[in-house]
Amino acid sequence: MKKEHRFKLIFLSLLVLISLFANGRFALFFAPWISTTMLLFASRRFSPVRSFLFSWLFLTATFSFQFYNVFPIPLHFHIISMAIPALFSALPFLVDILFSNHRNKFIHTLIFPIASVVISYVYHKYYPYGSWGHIAYTQESQSILIQSIAVFGLSYITFLIGWFASICNWIYLQHFNSKAIKKSILTFGIVFMITTLFGSYRILFQKADSDTVRIASISLLKEYAIYDNDLFGLAIEGGKEKFKKQSSALLSNLFERSIQEAKAGAKIVFWSEGNGLVLKEDELSLYVTASEIAKKQDIYLGIAIGVIDQHESKPYENKFVLFTPNGHKAIDYWKGIPVPGFEASISNNKQVGIQKTETPYGTIGAAICFDMDFPHFLKQAKGSDILLAPSNDWKAIDPIHTKMAKFRAIEQGFNLIRQTSNGLSAGFDYTGKTISEMDYFQDKGKILITQLPTKGVTTIYSVIGDLFIVGCLTSFILISIVFKTQSPEKE
């Protein structure tokens, strides 16, 4: 085998291997930095059309592995579904090729990361699954780095990874010229140093050290679960009576455990998503019971319930209702964004927006599970000190889904508890620091106890929103104009 062919084979093998761990269930934080750099290098070996097709097919294959079995659909549908995000992810590589005549200019290193930022933003804003698959989540373990999203949001991580890849390729184009290396290291190094200094400062000097409140969050015990069999068996003869009996036992257990936690010192108690199942005709009596318990135990009691109305074509109402120690209803929240597919097909939720209430423990807000995957939706939580997020997952997305949620805490500056049935429950402060954890599949009691800070912060991102995207788009236009007025250089 010729030396050149051997090099190409080794390069491609390494690219494939590293890319398998560049996102998804098996993500390693360093993998996307390397794989993006290598894929950009490889894509530049082709014409624009071939480069785009190569990038698209390659990303479709790697995405199919990275997110395999995350959503319970047949393999062929899974591959087709991965081709869509792969298509958008391949577009920045095409944009890079289209500006190839100016590749020797250092300013060209901004083309690929800016295109990645803008295209990724548009895609995830309108993607039915929100921010799922966003490259920023691969950096979850890098506590210092991800503090930057408190300023510019997820897109800043996209920019850094893309810029790193572009600069590495630019150094190669300069034949590793010492002057080019120094220029690259100095420029990228200053930006990265500022980023890490900010992250370090935020963790060390802006850490959540306010008073804390004891919060008990509860998931249902498996022996009380009412399994979904033709709408919980309601369509079967005698099903309604059986459901009422099961529902009564389930709710009694949840209330009993809530009272126990109140007596143990919890000031806020809430359940995970849809744990309390009740018929529409029994909803008001459930609220009366919850109100009485909250008042008697002097607690804030949040009941996450699934209300079933058999008379509606979409019979399921996914709610979170928070009662005050006075027994008043402070939050009456309906899940904002049902998961596409089965849940969306049966959900009859009102669009009420994220609600907040003032308490002695700060401003409390609430969102339900899938809502947390949409950064633009969670902007409504601005000003919350504590966010309660009742959730329900499945094994394949555990613990990814919970770790995604902590990015919202960093972005918006609230302290968060995500109580999850069939997954990882966790409490985070507004820097993303893990305060408490409970594995649903390992813990027998299914209860998470958290001493959560009662004071959040106002982040820059919560004020300026997606201004970084506007800046990137403006920069792209300006650079394009500059290139239009300049003559291209030969590589």
Protein backbone atom coordinates (compact mmCIF):
# COMPACT_ATOMS: atom_id res chain seq x y z
CA MET A 1 0.00 0.00 0.00
CA LYS A 2 1.32 3.42 -0.93
CA LYS A 3 2.30 5.76 1.87
CA GLU A 4 -0.31 8.33 0.81
CA HIS A 5 -3.09 5.73 0.79
CA ARG A 6 -1.98 4.41 4.16
CA PHE A 7 -2.12 7.91 5.61
CA LYS A 8 -5.64 8.47 4.23
CA LEU A 9 -6.83 5.15 5.67
CA ILE A 10 -5.38 5.90 9.10
CA PHE A 11 -6.80 9.44 9.02
CA LEU A 12 -10.26 8.23 8.05
CA SER A 13 -10.19 5.47 10.68
CA LEU A 14 -9.28 7.95 13.40
CA LEU A 15 -11.93 10.39 12.19
CA VAL A 16 -14.61 7.70 12.37
CA LEU A 17 -13.48 6.46 15.78
CA ILE A 18 -13.32 9.90 17.39
CA SER A 19 -16.58 11.04 15.77
CA LEU A 20 -18.49 8.17 17.36
CA PHE A 21 -17.88 9.84 20.72
CA ALA A 22 -18.33 13.45 19.61
CA ASN A 23 -21.98 13.72 20.75
CA GLY A 24 -24.91 11.74 22.07
CA ARG A 25 -25.00 8.94 24.62
CA PHE A 26 -21.28 8.24 24.62
CA ALA A 27 -19.91 11.77 24.28
CA LEU A 28 -16.39 12.57 25.47
CA PHE A 29 -15.74 16.27 25.95
CA PHE A 30 -12.55 16.38 23.83
CA ALA A 31 -13.98 14.39 20.90
CA PRO A 32 -15.98 17.16 19.13
CA TRP A 33 -12.96 19.49 19.16
CA ILE A 34 -10.84 16.87 17.37
CA SER A 35 -13.51 15.38 15.09
CA THR A 36 -14.71 18.81 13.86
CA THR A 37 -11.11 19.77 13.06
CA MET A 38 -10.51 16.53 11.16
CA LEU A 39 -13.84 16.61 9.30
CA LEU A 40 -13.20 20.19 8.19
CA PHE A 41 -9.81 19.10 6.89
CA ALA A 42 -11.33 16.15 5.02
CA SER A 43 -14.21 18.16 3.54
CA ARG A 44 -11.78 20.60 1.98
CA ARG A 45 -10.36 17.84 -0.23
CA PHE A 46 -13.49 17.88 -2.42
CA SER A 47 -15.50 20.16 -4.66
CA PRO A 48 -18.38 22.02 -2.96
CA VAL A 49 -21.05 19.48 -3.95
CA ARG A 50 -18.95 16.45 -3.07
CA SER A 51 -17.78 18.09 0.14
CA PHE A 52 -21.36 18.69 1.24
CA LEU A 53 -22.46 15.16 0.33
CA PHE A 54 -19.46 13.64 2.10
CA SER A 55 -20.07 15.69 5.26
CA TRP A 56 -23.81 14.96 5.21
CA LEU A 57 -23.44 11.20 4.77
CA PHE A 58 -20.62 11.00 7.30
CA LEU A 59 -22.56 12.96 9.93
CA THR A 60 -25.72 10.93 9.27
CA ALA A 61 -23.77 7.74 9.99
CA THR A 62 -22.10 9.07 13.14
CA PHE A 63 -25.31 10.68 14.47
CA SER A 64 -27.10 7.35 13.94
CA PHE A 65 -24.58 5.71 16.27
CA GLN A 66 -24.39 8.55 18.79
CA PHE A 67 -28.15 8.72 19.34
CA TYR A 68 -29.04 5.10 18.67
CA ASN A 69 -32.00 3.93 20.76
CA VAL A 70 -32.43 7.37 22.36
CA PHE A 71 -35.89 7.49 20.83
CA PRO A 72 -37.74 4.15 20.57
CA ILE A 73 -38.26 3.99 16.80
CA PRO A 74 -37.26 1.38 14.16
CA LEU A 75 -33.68 1.55 12.88
CA HIS A 76 -34.55 2.73 9.37
CA PHE A 77 -36.69 5.57 10.76
CA HIS A 78 -33.89 6.42 13.16
CA ILE A 79 -31.36 6.76 10.34
CA ILE A 80 -33.77 8.91 8.32
CA SER A 81 -34.41 11.12 11.36
CA MET A 82 -30.66 11.55 11.88
CA ALA A 83 -30.22 12.64 8.27
CA ILE A 84 -32.12 15.86 9.05
CA PRO A 85 -29.82 17.25 11.77
CA ALA A 86 -26.86 15.91 9.75
CA LEU A 87 -28.03 17.98 6.77
CA PHE A 88 -27.96 21.19 8.79
CA SER A 89 -24.68 20.24 10.46
CA ALA A 90 -23.10 19.73 7.02
CA LEU A 91 -24.10 23.19 5.76
CA PRO A 92 -21.26 25.07 7.54
CA PHE A 93 -18.76 22.83 5.75
CA LEU A 94 -20.35 23.86 2.44
CA VAL A 95 -20.21 27.54 3.41
CA ASP A 96 -16.53 27.11 4.24
CA ILE A 97 -15.86 25.66 0.79
CA LEU A 98 -17.72 28.50 -0.93
CA PHE A 99 -15.26 30.98 0.59
CA SER A 100 -12.22 28.84 -0.22
CA ASN A 101 -10.60 31.52 -2.43
CA HIS A 102 -9.90 33.56 0.70
CA ARG A 103 -8.75 30.68 2.88
CA ASN A 104 -5.22 32.02 3.33
CA LYS A 105 -6.53 35.11 5.14
CA PHE A 106 -6.72 34.71 8.91
CA ILE A 107 -10.15 36.37 8.98
CA HIS A 108 -11.39 33.38 6.97
CA THR A 109 -11.06 31.31 10.14
CA LEU A 110 -14.25 33.02 11.33
CA ILE A 111 -16.38 31.82 8.41
CA PHE A 112 -16.85 28.23 9.56
CA PRO A 113 -17.61 28.94 13.25
CA ILE A 114 -19.98 31.80 12.45
CA ALA A 115 -21.82 29.69 9.88
CA SER A 116 -22.02 26.88 12.45
CA VAL A 117 -23.48 29.24 15.07
CA VAL A 118 -26.14 30.77 12.82
CA ILE A 119 -27.24 27.52 11.16
CA SER A 120 -27.28 25.61 14.47
CA TYR A 121 -29.33 28.37 16.11
CA VAL A 122 -31.96 28.38 13.37
CA TYR A 123 -32.12 24.58 13.33
CA HIS A 124 -32.55 24.14 17.08
CA LYS A 125 -35.03 26.99 17.36
CA TYR A 126 -37.45 25.22 15.02
CA TYR A 127 -36.45 21.59 15.63
CA PRO A 128 -39.39 19.75 17.27
CA TYR A 129 -36.99 18.30 19.86
CA GLY A 130 -35.49 21.65 20.79
CA SER A 131 -31.84 21.65 21.78
CA TRP A 132 -31.45 17.87 21.66
CA GLY A 133 -28.13 17.02 20.02
CA HIS A 134 -26.63 20.48 20.53
CA ILE A 135 -22.85 20.26 20.52
CA ALA A 136 -22.61 22.43 23.66
CA TYR A 137 -23.98 19.58 25.78
CA THR A 138 -20.85 17.56 25.06
CA GLN A 139 -18.98 19.98 27.34
CA GLU A 140 -21.22 19.25 30.33
CA SER A 141 -18.29 18.03 32.42
CA GLN A 142 -16.27 21.22 31.79
CA SER A 143 -17.66 23.38 34.59
CA ILE A 144 -15.44 26.39 33.93
CA LEU A 145 -16.04 26.48 30.18
CA ILE A 146 -19.82 26.20 30.33
CA GLN A 147 -20.13 29.25 32.57
CA SER A 148 -19.82 31.20 29.31
CA ILE A 149 -23.39 30.30 28.42
CA ALA A 150 -24.47 32.64 31.24
CA VAL A 151 -23.28 35.38 28.87
CA PHE A 152 -23.84 34.20 25.30
CA GLY A 153 -25.87 30.98 25.54
CA LEU A 154 -25.17 27.60 23.95
CA SER A 155 -24.04 29.14 20.68
CA TYR A 156 -20.81 30.42 22.19
CA ILE A 157 -19.63 26.83 22.77
CA THR A 158 -20.48 26.08 19.13
CA PHE A 159 -18.38 29.06 18.08
CA LEU A 160 -15.35 28.04 20.15
CA ILE A 161 -15.32 24.47 18.84
CA GLY A 162 -15.78 25.65 15.24
CA TRP A 163 -13.15 28.36 15.53
CA PHE A 164 -10.64 25.93 17.05
CA ALA A 165 -11.17 23.60 14.08
CA SER A 166 -10.83 26.43 11.58
CA ILE A 167 -7.65 27.82 13.16
CA CYS A 168 -6.01 24.38 13.27
CA ASN A 169 -6.69 24.01 9.56
CA TRP A 170 -5.38 27.51 8.87
CA ILE A 171 -2.10 26.67 10.61
CA TYR A 172 -1.82 23.62 8.35
CA LEU A 173 -2.39 25.83 5.28
CA GLN A 174 0.46 28.05 6.45
CA HIS A 175 2.69 24.97 6.53
CA PHE A 176 3.01 25.32 10.31
CA ASN A 177 4.81 28.61 9.86
CA SER A 178 5.99 29.83 13.27
CA LYS A 179 4.53 33.29 12.70
CA ALA A 180 1.13 31.79 11.82
CA ILE A 181 1.25 29.53 14.87
CA LYS A 182 2.03 32.45 17.18
CA LYS A 183 -0.73 34.57 15.65
CA SER A 184 -3.26 31.76 16.02
CA ILE A 185 -2.31 30.81 19.55
CA LEU A 186 -2.30 34.45 20.65
CA THR A 187 -5.69 35.27 19.12
CA PHE A 188 -7.56 32.13 20.10
CA GLY A 189 -5.63 31.91 23.35
CA ILE A 190 -6.72 35.37 24.50
CA VAL A 191 -10.39 34.59 23.80
CA PHE A 192 -10.18 31.19 25.48
CA MET A 193 -8.27 32.64 28.45
CA ILE A 194 -10.92 35.33 28.98
CA THR A 195 -13.57 32.61 28.77
CA THR A 196 -11.86 30.43 31.39
CA LEU A 197 -11.08 33.40 33.65
CA PHE A 198 -14.74 34.38 33.61
CA GLY A 199 -15.79 30.80 34.32
CA SER A 200 -13.31 30.48 37.17
CA TYR A 201 -14.40 33.82 38.65
CA ARG A 202 -18.06 32.83 38.49
CA ILE A 203 -17.47 29.49 40.19
CA LEU A 204 -15.13 30.86 42.87
CA PHE A 205 -16.60 34.28 43.61
CA GLN A 206 -20.22 34.13 42.44
CA LYS A 207 -21.05 30.76 43.90
CA ALA A 208 -24.45 30.19 45.46
CA ASP A 209 -23.85 30.77 49.16
CA SER A 210 -27.24 32.13 50.19
CA ASP A 211 -29.56 30.53 52.73
CA THR A 212 -30.91 27.15 51.71
CA VAL A 213 -34.30 25.48 51.91
CA ARG A 214 -34.95 21.78 52.39
CA ILE A 215 -36.83 20.42 49.40
CA ALA A 216 -38.15 16.87 49.12
CA SER A 217 -38.97 15.72 45.62
CA ILE A 218 -40.82 12.44 45.19
CA SER A 219 -41.26 9.87 42.43
CA LEU A 220 -43.93 7.19 42.48
CA LEU A 221 -43.09 3.70 43.66
CA LYS A 222 -43.27 1.08 40.92
CA GLU A 223 -45.84 -1.02 42.77
CA TYR A 224 -48.32 1.86 42.51
CA ALA A 225 -47.77 2.58 38.83
CA ILE A 226 -50.82 2.50 36.58
CA TYR A 227 -49.57 1.20 33.27
CA ASP A 228 -50.79 2.70 30.03
CA ASN A 229 -53.00 -0.01 28.54
CA ASP A 230 -55.45 1.54 26.09
CA LEU A 231 -55.50 4.82 28.03
CA PHE A 232 -54.81 3.21 31.41
CA GLY A 233 -57.45 0.55 30.82
CA LEU A 234 -60.31 3.06 30.82
CA ALA A 235 -61.68 1.77 27.52
CA ILE A 236 -61.95 -1.77 28.84
CA GLU A 237 -65.18 -2.94 30.48
CA GLY A 238 -64.94 -2.21 34.18
CA GLY A 239 -61.78 -0.23 33.51
CA LYS A 240 -63.03 3.02 35.00
CA GLU A 241 -63.77 1.47 38.38
CA LYS A 242 -60.43 -0.32 38.39
CA PHE A 243 -58.62 2.90 37.45
CA LYS A 244 -60.32 4.86 40.23
CA LYS A 245 -59.22 2.25 42.75
CA GLN A 246 -55.64 2.28 41.48
CA SER A 247 -55.60 6.07 41.33
CA SER A 248 -56.84 6.35 44.90
CA ALA A 249 -54.07 4.04 46.16
CA LEU A 250 -51.44 5.88 44.13
CA LEU A 251 -52.48 9.34 45.31
CA SER A 252 -52.80 8.20 48.92
CA ASN A 253 -49.24 6.90 48.81
CA LEU A 254 -47.91 10.11 47.28
CA PHE A 255 -49.70 12.26 49.86
CA GLU A 256 -48.56 10.00 52.70
CA ARG A 257 -44.93 10.25 51.63
CA SER A 258 -45.29 14.02 51.19
CA ILE A 259 -46.55 14.33 54.77
CA GLN A 260 -43.64 12.22 56.03
CA GLU A 261 -41.15 14.51 54.31
CA ALA A 262 -42.91 17.59 55.69
CA LYS A 263 -42.60 16.18 59.20
CA ALA A 264 -38.92 15.50 58.50
CA GLY A 265 -38.39 19.20 57.87
CA ALA A 266 -39.02 19.79 54.17
CA LYS A 267 -40.51 23.20 53.40
CA ILE A 268 -41.17 22.43 49.74
CA VAL A 269 -42.40 19.05 48.54
CA PHE A 270 -43.24 18.14 44.95
CA TRP A 271 -43.79 15.10 42.72
CA SER A 272 -42.23 14.08 39.43
CA GLU A 273 -44.07 14.48 36.13
CA GLY A 274 -47.53 12.96 35.81
CA ASN A 275 -47.13 10.84 38.94
CA GLY A 276 -50.61 11.56 40.21
CA LEU A 277 -53.18 10.20 37.75
CA VAL A 278 -56.78 11.29 38.14
CA LEU A 279 -59.98 11.50 36.13
CA LYS A 280 -61.25 14.95 35.21
CA GLU A 281 -64.32 14.42 37.36
CA ASP A 282 -62.09 13.88 40.42
CA GLU A 283 -59.63 16.73 39.77
CA LEU A 284 -61.24 19.30 42.06
CA SER A 285 -61.47 16.92 45.00
CA LEU A 286 -57.76 16.15 44.52
CA TYR A 287 -57.00 19.87 44.76
CA VAL A 288 -59.00 20.13 47.97
CA THR A 289 -56.97 17.32 49.52
CA ALA A 290 -53.67 18.84 48.38
CA SER A 291 -54.68 22.26 49.69
CA GLU A 292 -55.59 20.86 53.10
CA ILE A 293 -52.31 18.95 53.40
CA ALA A 294 -50.23 21.99 52.37
CA LYS A 295 -52.05 24.09 54.98
CA LYS A 296 -51.89 21.52 57.76
CA GLN A 297 -48.21 20.70 57.18
CA ASP A 298 -47.26 24.34 56.57
CA ILE A 299 -45.45 23.53 53.30
CA TYR A 300 -45.43 24.40 49.64
CA LEU A 301 -46.84 21.28 48.00
CA GLY A 302 -46.43 20.76 44.27
CA ILE A 303 -48.50 17.99 42.73
CA ALA A 304 -47.52 16.88 39.23
CA ILE A 305 -50.58 15.20 37.78
CA GLY A 306 -52.00 13.68 34.65
CA VAL A 307 -55.68 14.57 34.35
CA ILE A 308 -57.67 12.31 32.04
CA ASP A 309 -60.82 13.55 30.36
CA GLN A 310 -62.42 10.68 28.44
CA HIS A 311 -64.80 13.05 26.69
CA GLU A 312 -62.01 14.83 24.81
CA SER A 313 -60.34 13.60 21.61
CA LYS A 314 -57.07 14.52 23.29
CA PRO A 315 -57.78 13.31 26.80
CA TYR A 316 -54.53 14.02 28.68
CA GLU A 317 -53.73 17.19 30.65
CA ASN A 318 -50.18 17.34 32.01
CA LYS A 319 -50.12 19.74 34.98
CA PHE A 320 -48.08 20.98 37.89
CA VAL A 321 -50.06 22.69 40.64
CA LEU A 322 -48.31 24.35 43.59
CA PHE A 323 -50.19 25.05 46.83
CA THR A 324 -48.98 27.51 49.47
CA PRO A 325 -48.90 26.94 53.26
CA ASN A 326 -52.15 28.91 53.31
CA GLY A 327 -53.72 26.31 51.05
CA HIS A 328 -53.97 28.68 48.09
CA LYS A 329 -53.13 27.67 44.55
CA ALA A 330 -50.02 29.68 43.59
CA ILE A 331 -49.05 27.96 40.32
CA ASP A 332 -51.38 26.17 37.92
CA TYR A 333 -49.01 25.18 35.14
CA TRP A 334 -49.74 23.10 32.06
CA LYS A 335 -46.82 21.48 30.24
CA GLY A 336 -45.78 23.95 27.56
CA ILE A 337 -44.30 21.60 24.96
CA PRO A 338 -45.43 17.95 24.75
CA VAL A 339 -42.99 15.46 23.25
CA PRO A 340 -43.74 14.92 19.52
CA GLY A 341 -45.37 11.61 18.81
CA PHE A 342 -47.61 9.77 21.25
CA GLU A 343 -47.60 12.38 24.02
CA ALA A 344 -48.45 15.22 21.65
CA SER A 345 -51.23 13.14 20.09
CA ILE A 346 -53.07 12.74 23.40
CA SER A 347 -52.14 16.02 25.13
CA ASN A 348 -54.72 18.75 25.62
CA ASN A 349 -52.58 21.38 27.33
CA LYS A 350 -53.30 25.09 27.59
CA GLN A 351 -50.50 27.49 26.73
CA VAL A 352 -50.22 29.31 30.04
CA GLY A 353 -46.48 30.06 29.98
CA ILE A 354 -44.08 29.62 32.86
CA GLN A 355 -45.61 30.88 36.09
CA LYS A 356 -43.77 32.21 39.15
CA THR A 357 -44.73 32.95 42.72
CA GLU A 358 -43.04 34.94 45.49
CA THR A 359 -42.25 32.94 48.64
CA PRO A 360 -40.08 33.32 51.78
CA TYR A 361 -37.62 31.08 49.89
CA GLY A 362 -37.34 33.34 46.88
CA THR A 363 -39.25 33.39 43.62
CA ILE A 364 -40.32 29.89 42.62
CA GLY A 365 -41.10 28.90 39.05
CA ALA A 366 -41.95 25.60 37.38
CA ALA A 367 -41.53 23.83 34.07
CA ILE A 368 -42.19 20.22 33.11
CA CYS A 369 -39.57 17.85 31.69
CA PHE A 370 -39.39 18.41 27.89
CA ASP A 371 -39.97 22.16 28.36
CA MET A 372 -36.42 22.34 29.70
CA ASP A 373 -34.98 21.35 26.30
CA PHE A 374 -36.01 24.70 24.79
CA PRO A 375 -33.75 27.59 25.85
CA HIS A 376 -36.02 30.21 24.24
CA PHE A 377 -39.04 28.85 26.16
CA LEU A 378 -37.14 28.93 29.47
CA LYS A 379 -36.42 32.63 29.00
CA GLN A 380 -39.82 33.04 30.67
CA ALA A 381 -38.22 31.74 33.88
CA LYS A 382 -36.06 34.86 34.12
CA GLY A 383 -36.13 36.20 37.67
CA SER A 384 -36.75 32.83 39.31
CA ASP A 385 -34.60 31.92 42.30
CA ILE A 386 -35.77 28.31 42.29
CA LEU A 387 -37.17 26.30 39.41
CA LEU A 388 -39.00 23.04 40.07
CA ALA A 389 -38.93 20.67 37.09
CA PRO A 390 -41.02 17.52 37.52
CA SER A 391 -39.87 15.07 34.84
CA ASN A 392 -40.23 11.55 33.48
CA ASP A 393 -37.58 9.88 31.31
CA TRP A 394 -36.63 6.43 30.05
CA LYS A 395 -33.43 4.45 30.42
CA ALA A 396 -31.87 5.41 27.05
CA ILE A 397 -31.85 9.15 27.85
CA ASP A 398 -30.63 8.73 31.42
CA PRO A 399 -28.64 10.72 32.58
CA ILE A 400 -28.27 12.88 29.43
CA HIS A 401 -31.63 14.57 29.84
CA THR A 402 -31.03 15.68 33.42
CA LYS A 403 -27.56 16.98 32.59
CA MET A 404 -29.03 19.01 29.73
CA ALA A 405 -31.39 20.71 32.17
CA LYS A 406 -28.59 22.21 34.24
CA PHE A 407 -27.62 24.36 31.23
CA ARG A 408 -30.91 26.23 31.68
CA ALA A 409 -29.95 26.96 35.30
CA ILE A 410 -26.64 28.46 34.17
CA GLU A 411 -28.27 30.47 31.35
CA GLN A 412 -31.06 31.98 33.41
CA GLY A 413 -29.42 32.09 36.85
CA PHE A 414 -31.86 29.98 38.86
CA ASN A 415 -31.31 27.04 41.20
CA LEU A 416 -32.92 23.89 39.87
CA ILE A 417 -34.35 20.59 40.99
CA ARG A 418 -35.26 18.10 38.29
CA GLN A 419 -37.18 15.25 39.90
CA THR A 420 -37.26 12.39 37.43
CA SER A 421 -39.14 9.13 37.30
CA ASN A 422 -37.20 6.53 35.27
CA GLY A 423 -34.02 8.57 35.29
CA LEU A 424 -31.58 10.69 37.28
CA SER A 425 -33.01 13.25 39.68
CA ALA A 426 -30.70 16.09 40.64
CA GLY A 427 -30.44 19.48 42.26
CA PHE A 428 -28.18 22.15 40.74
CA ASP A 429 -27.24 25.65 41.74
CA TYR A 430 -27.05 28.45 39.17
CA THR A 431 -23.43 27.61 38.28
CA GLY A 432 -24.45 24.07 37.36
CA LYS A 433 -22.86 22.58 40.48
CA THR A 434 -24.56 19.33 41.48
CA ILE A 435 -25.99 19.59 44.98
CA SER A 436 -27.94 16.33 45.16
CA GLU A 437 -28.60 13.24 43.06
CA MET A 438 -30.93 10.25 43.11
CA ASP A 439 -30.92 7.36 40.64
CA TYR A 440 -34.48 6.15 40.15
CA PHE A 441 -33.31 2.68 39.15
CA GLN A 442 -31.14 2.25 42.26
CA ASP A 443 -32.88 4.18 45.03
CA LYS A 444 -35.63 2.27 46.82
CA GLY A 445 -37.32 5.27 48.39
CA LYS A 446 -37.50 7.34 45.15
CA ILE A 447 -37.11 10.56 47.16
CA LEU A 448 -34.48 13.26 46.63
CA ILE A 449 -33.61 15.56 49.52
CA THR A 450 -31.94 18.83 48.55
CA GLN A 451 -30.74 21.83 50.51
CA LEU A 452 -31.20 24.28 47.67
CA PRO A 453 -29.97 27.91 47.70
CA THR A 454 -32.86 30.36 47.84
CA LYS A 455 -31.25 33.16 45.86
CA GLY A 456 -30.62 33.13 42.13
CA VAL A 457 -28.74 35.68 40.01
CA THR A 458 -29.40 37.84 36.98
CA THR A 459 -27.21 36.56 34.17
CA ILE A 460 -26.04 38.58 31.20
CA TYR A 461 -27.71 36.07 28.89
CA SER A 462 -31.07 36.53 30.62
CA VAL A 463 -30.80 40.25 29.82
CA ILE A 464 -29.31 40.35 26.31
CA GLY A 465 -30.77 37.07 25.07
CA ASP A 466 -29.40 35.90 21.72
CA LEU A 467 -27.47 39.05 20.91
CA PHE A 468 -24.43 36.86 20.20
CA ILE A 469 -26.32 35.37 17.26
CA VAL A 470 -27.03 38.83 15.89
CA GLY A 471 -23.34 39.66 16.26
CA CYS A 472 -22.33 36.53 14.39
CA LEU A 473 -24.78 37.17 11.56
CA THR A 474 -23.63 40.79 11.26
CA SER A 475 -19.98 39.68 11.24
CA PHE A 476 -20.71 37.16 8.51
CA ILE A 477 -22.26 39.84 6.32
CA LEU A 478 -19.37 42.24 6.91
CA ILE A 479 -16.73 39.59 6.19
CA SER A 480 -18.59 38.63 3.03
CA ILE A 481 -18.52 42.26 1.89
CA VAL A 482 -14.79 42.49 2.64
CA PHE A 483 -14.11 39.33 0.62
CA LYS A 484 -16.25 40.66 -2.21
CA THR A 485 -14.10 43.77 -2.48
CA GLN A 486 -10.79 41.92 -2.20
CA SER A 487 -9.11 39.74 -4.75
CA PRO A 488 -8.81 36.05 -3.86
CA GLU A 489 -5.46 34.57 -2.90
CA LYS A 490 -3.99 31.35 -4.12
CA GLU A 491 -3.39 28.64 -1.58
